[in-house]
């Protein structure tokens, strides 16, 4: 989920919300170290005119949602991606159709080809006996010389 919020396109933090980071052993409130009870800096709301503060998510997990919504993104990335899909459903439907339609046509053409080959096999095996165990030669070449176009 950290990679989704890294681009800051989805403006999200964690899976369901920012408190999901408490399940991480480094961000758990009982963990030692500076990351304890905090979220990664990719969750922070950035001001482009200021230097990036990598500790802006310090001690935010144990605070209320309203008190940290100006500092970090509180919405979960799962919801953010679902909302993005809902907003762009026409694009996603076109992309899905563009991928699945050629696949479906390929399977259909393959099935038609297989049935046609099977029909040809059964037709020749019944009428000419070319493919069966007692297959007879199609053209008698006795006495024709080196080429079949020469008269015997």
N, C-alpha and C. Protein backbone atom coordinates (compact mmCIF):
# COMPACT_ATOMS: atom_id res chain seq x y z
N UNK A 1 0.83 -1.19 0.00
CA UNK A 1 0.00 0.00 0.00
C UNK A 1 0.87 1.25 0.00
N UNK A 2 2.11 1.09 0.48
CA UNK A 2 3.00 2.23 0.51
C UNK A 2 3.35 2.70 -0.90
N UNK A 3 3.45 1.76 -1.85
CA UNK A 3 3.77 2.14 -3.22
C UNK A 3 2.62 2.89 -3.88
N UNK A 4 1.37 2.61 -3.48
CA UNK A 4 0.23 3.35 -4.04
C UNK A 4 0.23 4.80 -3.56
N UNK A 5 0.59 4.99 -2.31
CA UNK A 5 0.57 6.35 -1.79
C UNK A 5 1.84 7.11 -2.16
N UNK A 6 2.86 6.40 -2.65
CA UNK A 6 4.13 7.05 -2.97
C UNK A 6 3.96 8.07 -4.09
N UNK A 7 3.17 7.74 -5.09
CA UNK A 7 2.93 8.67 -6.18
C UNK A 7 2.00 9.80 -5.75
N UNK A 8 1.28 9.60 -4.66
CA UNK A 8 0.37 10.58 -4.10
C UNK A 8 -0.83 10.85 -5.01
N UNK A 9 -1.04 9.98 -5.99
CA UNK A 9 -2.18 10.14 -6.88
C UNK A 9 -3.47 9.80 -6.16
N UNK A 10 -3.43 8.73 -5.37
CA UNK A 10 -4.63 8.27 -4.69
C UNK A 10 -4.87 8.97 -3.35
N UNK A 11 -3.87 9.67 -2.85
CA UNK A 11 -3.98 10.38 -1.57
C UNK A 11 -4.51 9.44 -0.49
N UNK A 12 -3.74 8.39 -0.23
CA UNK A 12 -4.19 7.35 0.70
C UNK A 12 -3.05 6.93 1.62
N UNK A 13 -3.43 6.15 2.64
CA UNK A 13 -2.46 5.66 3.61
C UNK A 13 -3.00 4.36 4.22
N UNK A 14 -2.27 3.27 4.06
CA UNK A 14 -2.70 1.99 4.61
C UNK A 14 -3.72 1.30 3.73
N UNK A 15 -4.19 0.14 4.18
CA UNK A 15 -5.19 -0.61 3.42
C UNK A 15 -6.58 -0.06 3.62
N UNK A 16 -7.10 -0.18 4.83
CA UNK A 16 -8.43 0.35 5.16
C UNK A 16 -8.34 1.81 5.58
N UNK A 17 -7.38 2.13 6.42
CA UNK A 17 -7.11 3.52 6.81
C UNK A 17 -5.69 3.60 7.38
N UNK A 18 -5.31 4.74 7.89
CA UNK A 18 -3.94 4.96 8.35
C UNK A 18 -3.58 4.11 9.56
N UNK A 19 -4.55 3.61 10.29
CA UNK A 19 -4.27 2.80 11.48
C UNK A 19 -3.78 1.39 11.13
N UNK A 20 -3.87 1.01 9.88
CA UNK A 20 -3.37 -0.31 9.47
C UNK A 20 -1.87 -0.44 9.69
N UNK A 21 -1.18 0.68 9.74
CA UNK A 21 0.27 0.64 9.94
C UNK A 21 0.63 0.16 11.34
N UNK A 22 -0.31 0.12 12.26
CA UNK A 22 -0.01 -0.38 13.61
C UNK A 22 0.24 -1.89 13.58
N UNK A 23 -0.16 -2.58 12.53
CA UNK A 23 0.10 -4.02 12.40
C UNK A 23 1.53 -4.30 11.98
N UNK A 24 2.22 -3.29 11.50
CA UNK A 24 3.63 -3.42 11.13
C UNK A 24 4.46 -3.41 12.41
N UNK A 25 5.46 -4.28 12.49
CA UNK A 25 6.24 -4.39 13.72
C UNK A 25 7.04 -3.12 14.02
N UNK A 26 7.37 -2.34 13.03
CA UNK A 26 8.14 -1.12 13.27
C UNK A 26 7.24 0.07 13.61
N UNK A 27 6.01 0.04 13.12
CA UNK A 27 5.08 1.16 13.35
C UNK A 27 4.11 0.89 14.49
N UNK A 28 4.20 -0.27 15.11
CA UNK A 28 3.35 -0.59 16.25
C UNK A 28 3.68 0.36 17.40
N UNK A 29 2.67 0.73 18.18
CA UNK A 29 2.87 1.70 19.26
C UNK A 29 3.77 1.16 20.37
N UNK A 30 3.91 -0.16 20.49
CA UNK A 30 4.77 -0.75 21.51
C UNK A 30 6.18 -0.99 21.02
N UNK A 31 6.46 -0.68 19.78
CA UNK A 31 7.79 -0.92 19.21
C UNK A 31 8.76 0.17 19.64
N UNK A 32 10.03 -0.18 19.78
CA UNK A 32 11.04 0.84 20.07
C UNK A 32 11.44 1.56 18.78
N UNK A 33 11.90 2.75 18.89
CA UNK A 33 12.39 3.46 17.73
C UNK A 33 11.51 4.63 17.32
N UNK A 34 11.99 5.43 16.39
CA UNK A 34 11.27 6.64 15.99
C UNK A 34 10.02 6.38 15.15
N UNK A 35 9.90 5.20 14.55
CA UNK A 35 8.74 4.90 13.72
C UNK A 35 7.54 4.42 14.52
N UNK A 36 7.74 4.19 15.81
CA UNK A 36 6.67 3.64 16.64
C UNK A 36 5.47 4.57 16.66
N UNK A 37 4.30 4.00 16.45
CA UNK A 37 3.02 4.71 16.49
C UNK A 37 2.90 5.78 15.41
N UNK A 38 3.67 5.63 14.35
CA UNK A 38 3.64 6.59 13.26
C UNK A 38 3.38 5.91 11.93
N UNK A 39 3.19 6.71 10.90
CA UNK A 39 2.99 6.21 9.55
C UNK A 39 4.16 6.64 8.68
N UNK A 40 4.41 5.97 7.55
CA UNK A 40 5.51 6.38 6.67
C UNK A 40 5.28 7.79 6.11
N UNK A 41 6.37 8.41 5.72
CA UNK A 41 6.26 9.78 5.21
C UNK A 41 5.51 9.85 3.89
N UNK A 42 5.33 8.71 3.21
CA UNK A 42 4.56 8.71 1.97
C UNK A 42 3.08 8.96 2.24
N UNK A 43 2.65 8.81 3.48
CA UNK A 43 1.26 9.09 3.85
C UNK A 43 1.03 10.57 4.13
N UNK A 44 2.08 11.33 4.23
CA UNK A 44 1.96 12.73 4.63
C UNK A 44 1.39 13.60 3.50
N UNK A 45 0.66 14.61 3.90
CA UNK A 45 0.18 15.62 2.95
C UNK A 45 1.34 16.58 2.72
N UNK A 46 1.81 16.63 1.49
CA UNK A 46 3.01 17.40 1.20
C UNK A 46 2.68 18.81 0.73
N UNK A 47 3.47 19.72 1.19
CA UNK A 47 3.43 21.08 0.70
C UNK A 47 4.62 21.22 -0.24
N UNK A 48 4.35 21.50 -1.50
CA UNK A 48 5.42 21.51 -2.50
C UNK A 48 6.41 22.65 -2.32
N UNK A 49 6.04 23.64 -1.54
CA UNK A 49 6.95 24.77 -1.35
C UNK A 49 7.91 24.55 -0.19
N UNK A 50 7.68 23.50 0.60
CA UNK A 50 8.54 23.25 1.76
C UNK A 50 9.40 22.02 1.53
N UNK A 51 10.42 21.89 2.37
CA UNK A 51 11.28 20.71 2.34
C UNK A 51 10.48 19.52 2.86
N UNK A 52 10.72 18.32 2.29
CA UNK A 52 9.98 17.13 2.70
C UNK A 52 10.33 16.77 4.13
N UNK A 53 9.31 16.66 4.97
CA UNK A 53 9.48 16.27 6.36
C UNK A 53 9.21 14.77 6.46
N UNK A 54 10.27 13.98 6.62
CA UNK A 54 10.11 12.53 6.66
C UNK A 54 9.54 12.04 7.99
N UNK A 55 9.45 12.88 8.98
CA UNK A 55 8.90 12.48 10.28
C UNK A 55 7.53 13.12 10.53
N UNK A 56 6.84 13.52 9.48
CA UNK A 56 5.55 14.18 9.67
C UNK A 56 4.48 13.23 10.17
N UNK A 57 4.67 11.93 9.98
CA UNK A 57 3.70 10.95 10.45
C UNK A 57 3.99 10.43 11.85
N UNK A 58 4.90 11.10 12.57
CA UNK A 58 5.31 10.69 13.91
C UNK A 58 4.15 10.77 14.88
N UNK A 59 3.88 9.69 15.59
CA UNK A 59 2.83 9.59 16.63
C UNK A 59 1.45 9.99 16.10
N UNK A 60 1.08 9.44 14.96
CA UNK A 60 -0.25 9.76 14.40
C UNK A 60 -1.24 8.61 14.51
N UNK A 61 -0.77 7.39 14.71
CA UNK A 61 -1.67 6.23 14.73
C UNK A 61 -2.61 6.28 15.93
N UNK A 62 -2.10 6.74 17.07
CA UNK A 62 -2.94 6.74 18.28
C UNK A 62 -3.82 7.98 18.40
N UNK A 63 -3.76 8.87 17.41
CA UNK A 63 -4.59 10.08 17.47
C UNK A 63 -5.89 9.88 16.70
N UNK A 64 -6.85 10.74 16.95
CA UNK A 64 -8.15 10.68 16.28
C UNK A 64 -8.01 11.11 14.82
N UNK A 65 -8.91 10.62 14.02
CA UNK A 65 -8.91 10.89 12.58
C UNK A 65 -8.99 12.39 12.27
N UNK A 66 -9.85 13.10 12.96
CA UNK A 66 -10.02 14.53 12.69
C UNK A 66 -8.78 15.35 13.05
N UNK A 67 -8.02 14.91 14.03
CA UNK A 67 -6.85 15.68 14.44
C UNK A 67 -5.65 15.48 13.51
N UNK A 68 -5.64 14.41 12.72
CA UNK A 68 -4.50 14.16 11.84
C UNK A 68 -4.82 14.33 10.36
N UNK A 69 -6.05 14.66 10.02
CA UNK A 69 -6.41 14.74 8.60
C UNK A 69 -5.74 15.89 7.87
N UNK A 70 -5.19 16.86 8.59
CA UNK A 70 -4.45 17.94 7.94
C UNK A 70 -2.97 17.61 7.80
N UNK A 71 -2.52 16.54 8.45
CA UNK A 71 -1.11 16.16 8.44
C UNK A 71 -0.86 14.98 7.50
N UNK A 72 -1.73 13.96 7.57
CA UNK A 72 -1.56 12.76 6.75
C UNK A 72 -2.86 12.45 6.00
N UNK A 73 -2.73 11.60 4.99
CA UNK A 73 -3.91 11.11 4.28
C UNK A 73 -4.53 10.02 5.14
N UNK A 74 -5.79 10.16 5.50
CA UNK A 74 -6.43 9.21 6.41
C UNK A 74 -7.22 8.14 5.66
N UNK A 75 -7.50 8.35 4.39
CA UNK A 75 -8.28 7.38 3.62
C UNK A 75 -7.40 6.19 3.25
N UNK A 76 -7.97 4.98 3.29
CA UNK A 76 -7.25 3.77 2.93
C UNK A 76 -7.06 3.64 1.42
N UNK A 77 -5.99 2.97 1.03
CA UNK A 77 -5.69 2.83 -0.39
C UNK A 77 -6.64 1.86 -1.09
N UNK A 78 -7.21 0.91 -0.37
CA UNK A 78 -8.18 0.01 -0.98
C UNK A 78 -9.39 0.79 -1.46
N UNK A 79 -9.91 1.64 -0.61
CA UNK A 79 -11.05 2.47 -0.99
C UNK A 79 -10.68 3.46 -2.10
N UNK A 80 -9.47 3.99 -2.04
CA UNK A 80 -9.04 4.95 -3.05
C UNK A 80 -8.97 4.30 -4.44
N UNK A 81 -8.47 3.07 -4.50
CA UNK A 81 -8.38 2.38 -5.78
C UNK A 81 -9.78 2.02 -6.29
N UNK A 82 -10.66 1.58 -5.40
CA UNK A 82 -12.04 1.26 -5.80
C UNK A 82 -12.74 2.51 -6.33
N UNK A 83 -12.56 3.63 -5.67
CA UNK A 83 -13.16 4.88 -6.14
C UNK A 83 -12.59 5.27 -7.50
N UNK A 84 -11.27 5.05 -7.70
CA UNK A 84 -10.66 5.36 -8.99
C UNK A 84 -11.25 4.47 -10.08
N UNK A 85 -11.45 3.17 -9.80
CA UNK A 85 -12.07 2.28 -10.77
C UNK A 85 -13.49 2.72 -11.09
N UNK A 86 -14.24 3.14 -10.08
CA UNK A 86 -15.61 3.59 -10.31
C UNK A 86 -15.64 4.86 -11.16
N UNK A 87 -14.69 5.76 -10.93
CA UNK A 87 -14.63 6.99 -11.71
C UNK A 87 -14.20 6.74 -13.15
N UNK A 88 -13.41 5.70 -13.38
CA UNK A 88 -12.86 5.42 -14.71
C UNK A 88 -13.39 4.11 -15.28
N UNK A 89 -14.64 3.79 -14.98
CA UNK A 89 -15.18 2.49 -15.41
C UNK A 89 -15.29 2.39 -16.93
N UNK A 90 -15.53 3.48 -17.64
CA UNK A 90 -15.62 3.38 -19.09
C UNK A 90 -14.26 3.03 -19.70
N UNK A 91 -13.22 3.64 -19.18
CA UNK A 91 -11.87 3.32 -19.64
C UNK A 91 -11.53 1.87 -19.32
N UNK A 92 -11.86 1.43 -18.12
CA UNK A 92 -11.57 0.06 -17.71
C UNK A 92 -12.38 -0.94 -18.53
N UNK A 93 -13.63 -0.62 -18.84
CA UNK A 93 -14.46 -1.51 -19.66
C UNK A 93 -13.89 -1.60 -21.07
N UNK A 94 -13.46 -0.49 -21.63
CA UNK A 94 -12.84 -0.50 -22.95
C UNK A 94 -11.55 -1.30 -22.97
N UNK A 95 -10.75 -1.14 -21.94
CA UNK A 95 -9.50 -1.89 -21.84
C UNK A 95 -9.78 -3.38 -21.71
N UNK A 96 -10.75 -3.73 -20.88
CA UNK A 96 -11.12 -5.13 -20.70
C UNK A 96 -11.65 -5.73 -22.00
N UNK A 97 -12.48 -4.98 -22.70
CA UNK A 97 -13.02 -5.45 -23.97
C UNK A 97 -11.91 -5.59 -25.01
N UNK A 98 -10.99 -4.64 -25.02
CA UNK A 98 -9.88 -4.69 -25.96
C UNK A 98 -8.95 -5.87 -25.72
N UNK A 99 -8.87 -6.34 -24.49
CA UNK A 99 -8.03 -7.50 -24.19
C UNK A 99 -8.80 -8.80 -24.40
N UNK A 100 -10.05 -8.85 -23.94
CA UNK A 100 -10.80 -10.10 -23.97
C UNK A 100 -11.35 -10.45 -25.35
N UNK A 101 -11.72 -9.46 -26.15
CA UNK A 101 -12.31 -9.74 -27.46
C UNK A 101 -11.34 -10.50 -28.38
N UNK A 102 -10.09 -10.05 -28.53
CA UNK A 102 -9.16 -10.84 -29.36
C UNK A 102 -8.90 -12.24 -28.80
N UNK A 103 -8.88 -12.36 -27.48
CA UNK A 103 -8.69 -13.68 -26.88
C UNK A 103 -9.87 -14.60 -27.22
N UNK A 104 -11.06 -14.08 -27.10
CA UNK A 104 -12.26 -14.86 -27.41
C UNK A 104 -12.29 -15.25 -28.88
N UNK A 105 -11.97 -14.31 -29.76
CA UNK A 105 -11.95 -14.61 -31.19
C UNK A 105 -10.88 -15.65 -31.52
N UNK A 106 -9.73 -15.58 -30.85
CA UNK A 106 -8.68 -16.58 -31.06
C UNK A 106 -9.13 -17.97 -30.66
N UNK A 107 -9.81 -18.08 -29.52
CA UNK A 107 -10.32 -19.38 -29.08
C UNK A 107 -11.38 -19.89 -30.05
N UNK A 108 -12.26 -19.01 -30.50
CA UNK A 108 -13.31 -19.40 -31.44
C UNK A 108 -12.72 -19.88 -32.76
N UNK A 109 -11.76 -19.15 -33.29
CA UNK A 109 -11.13 -19.55 -34.55
C UNK A 109 -10.38 -20.88 -34.39
N UNK A 110 -9.76 -21.09 -33.25
CA UNK A 110 -9.06 -22.35 -33.00
C UNK A 110 -10.04 -23.51 -32.96
N UNK A 111 -11.18 -23.32 -32.29
CA UNK A 111 -12.19 -24.38 -32.26
C UNK A 111 -12.73 -24.68 -33.65
N UNK A 112 -12.97 -23.65 -34.44
CA UNK A 112 -13.44 -23.86 -35.82
C UNK A 112 -12.39 -24.61 -36.64
N UNK A 113 -11.14 -24.25 -36.46
CA UNK A 113 -10.05 -24.92 -37.19
C UNK A 113 -9.96 -26.39 -36.79
N UNK A 114 -10.04 -26.66 -35.49
CA UNK A 114 -9.96 -28.05 -35.01
C UNK A 114 -11.12 -28.88 -35.56
N UNK A 115 -12.33 -28.33 -35.52
CA UNK A 115 -13.47 -29.10 -36.04
C UNK A 115 -13.35 -29.32 -37.55
N UNK A 116 -12.83 -28.36 -38.26
CA UNK A 116 -12.64 -28.52 -39.71
C UNK A 116 -11.61 -29.60 -40.01
N UNK A 117 -10.52 -29.61 -39.26
CA UNK A 117 -9.49 -30.64 -39.46
C UNK A 117 -10.05 -32.02 -39.12
N UNK A 118 -10.83 -32.11 -38.06
CA UNK A 118 -11.45 -33.39 -37.70
C UNK A 118 -12.42 -33.84 -38.79
N UNK A 119 -13.17 -32.90 -39.36
CA UNK A 119 -14.08 -33.25 -40.46
C UNK A 119 -13.32 -33.78 -41.67
N UNK A 120 -12.21 -33.14 -41.99
CA UNK A 120 -11.39 -33.57 -43.13
C UNK A 120 -10.82 -34.96 -42.86
N UNK A 121 -10.37 -35.21 -41.64
CA UNK A 121 -9.82 -36.52 -41.30
C UNK A 121 -10.88 -37.60 -41.44
N UNK A 122 -12.07 -37.34 -40.91
CA UNK A 122 -13.12 -38.35 -41.02
C UNK A 122 -13.58 -38.52 -42.46
N UNK A 123 -13.61 -37.46 -43.24
CA UNK A 123 -14.04 -37.55 -44.64
C UNK A 123 -13.07 -38.41 -45.45
N UNK A 124 -11.78 -38.17 -45.31
CA UNK A 124 -10.79 -38.93 -46.07
C UNK A 124 -10.64 -40.35 -45.56
N UNK A 125 -10.82 -40.55 -44.28
CA UNK A 125 -10.68 -41.92 -43.76
C UNK A 125 -11.86 -42.78 -44.19
N UNK A 126 -13.03 -42.20 -44.40
CA UNK A 126 -14.20 -42.96 -44.82
C UNK A 126 -14.21 -43.17 -46.33
N UNK A 127 -13.92 -42.13 -47.12
CA UNK A 127 -14.07 -42.23 -48.57
C UNK A 127 -12.87 -42.86 -49.26
N UNK A 128 -11.66 -42.46 -48.91
CA UNK A 128 -10.49 -42.92 -49.65
C UNK A 128 -9.69 -43.98 -48.91
N UNK A 129 -9.84 -44.05 -47.64
CA UNK A 129 -9.05 -44.99 -46.88
C UNK A 129 -7.58 -44.61 -46.82
N UNK A 130 -7.26 -43.33 -46.98
CA UNK A 130 -5.87 -42.90 -46.97
C UNK A 130 -5.25 -42.94 -45.58
N UNK A 131 -6.05 -42.78 -44.57
CA UNK A 131 -5.48 -42.67 -43.23
C UNK A 131 -5.65 -43.93 -42.40
N UNK A 132 -6.40 -44.89 -42.88
CA UNK A 132 -6.66 -46.10 -42.13
C UNK A 132 -5.50 -47.08 -42.21
N UNK A 133 -5.63 -48.23 -41.50
CA UNK A 133 -4.55 -49.22 -41.52
C UNK A 133 -4.39 -49.89 -42.88
N UNK A 134 -5.46 -50.07 -43.61
CA UNK A 134 -5.37 -50.69 -44.93
C UNK A 134 -5.37 -49.66 -46.03
N UNK A 135 -4.63 -48.61 -45.88
CA UNK A 135 -4.63 -47.51 -46.84
C UNK A 135 -4.03 -47.99 -48.16
N UNK A 136 -4.67 -47.65 -49.25
CA UNK A 136 -4.18 -48.03 -50.57
C UNK A 136 -3.55 -46.80 -51.22
N UNK A 137 -2.58 -47.02 -52.06
CA UNK A 137 -1.95 -45.86 -52.72
C UNK A 137 -2.96 -45.16 -53.62
N UNK A 138 -2.83 -43.91 -53.73
CA UNK A 138 -3.78 -43.10 -54.46
C UNK A 138 -3.58 -43.22 -55.97
N UNK A 139 -2.33 -43.24 -56.41
CA UNK A 139 -2.02 -43.28 -57.83
C UNK A 139 -1.14 -44.49 -58.11
N UNK A 140 -1.48 -45.23 -59.12
CA UNK A 140 -0.64 -46.36 -59.54
C UNK A 140 0.52 -45.79 -60.34
N UNK A 141 1.73 -46.05 -59.88
CA UNK A 141 2.90 -45.51 -60.57
C UNK A 141 3.67 -46.58 -61.32
N UNK A 142 3.13 -47.78 -61.44
CA UNK A 142 3.84 -48.86 -62.13
C UNK A 142 3.96 -48.55 -63.62
N UNK A 143 5.18 -48.58 -64.11
CA UNK A 143 5.42 -48.40 -65.52
C UNK A 143 5.37 -46.96 -65.98
N UNK A 144 5.40 -46.00 -65.09
CA UNK A 144 5.33 -44.61 -65.53
C UNK A 144 6.69 -43.99 -65.73
N UNK A 145 7.72 -44.67 -65.37
CA UNK A 145 9.04 -44.11 -65.54
C UNK A 145 9.40 -43.20 -64.38
N UNK A 146 10.27 -42.24 -64.68
CA UNK A 146 10.75 -41.38 -63.60
C UNK A 146 9.78 -40.27 -63.27
N UNK A 147 8.88 -39.96 -64.17
CA UNK A 147 7.94 -38.87 -63.92
C UNK A 147 6.54 -39.34 -64.28
N UNK A 148 5.59 -38.93 -63.52
CA UNK A 148 4.23 -39.40 -63.74
C UNK A 148 3.58 -38.74 -64.94
N UNK A 149 4.19 -37.71 -65.48
CA UNK A 149 3.58 -37.05 -66.63
C UNK A 149 3.96 -37.73 -67.95
N UNK A 150 4.97 -38.61 -67.92
CA UNK A 150 5.35 -39.34 -69.14
C UNK A 150 4.37 -40.47 -69.39
N UNK A 151 4.08 -40.71 -70.64
CA UNK A 151 3.22 -41.87 -70.93
C UNK A 151 3.98 -43.17 -70.70
N UNK A 152 3.27 -44.20 -70.38
CA UNK A 152 3.94 -45.47 -70.10
C UNK A 152 4.15 -46.29 -71.36
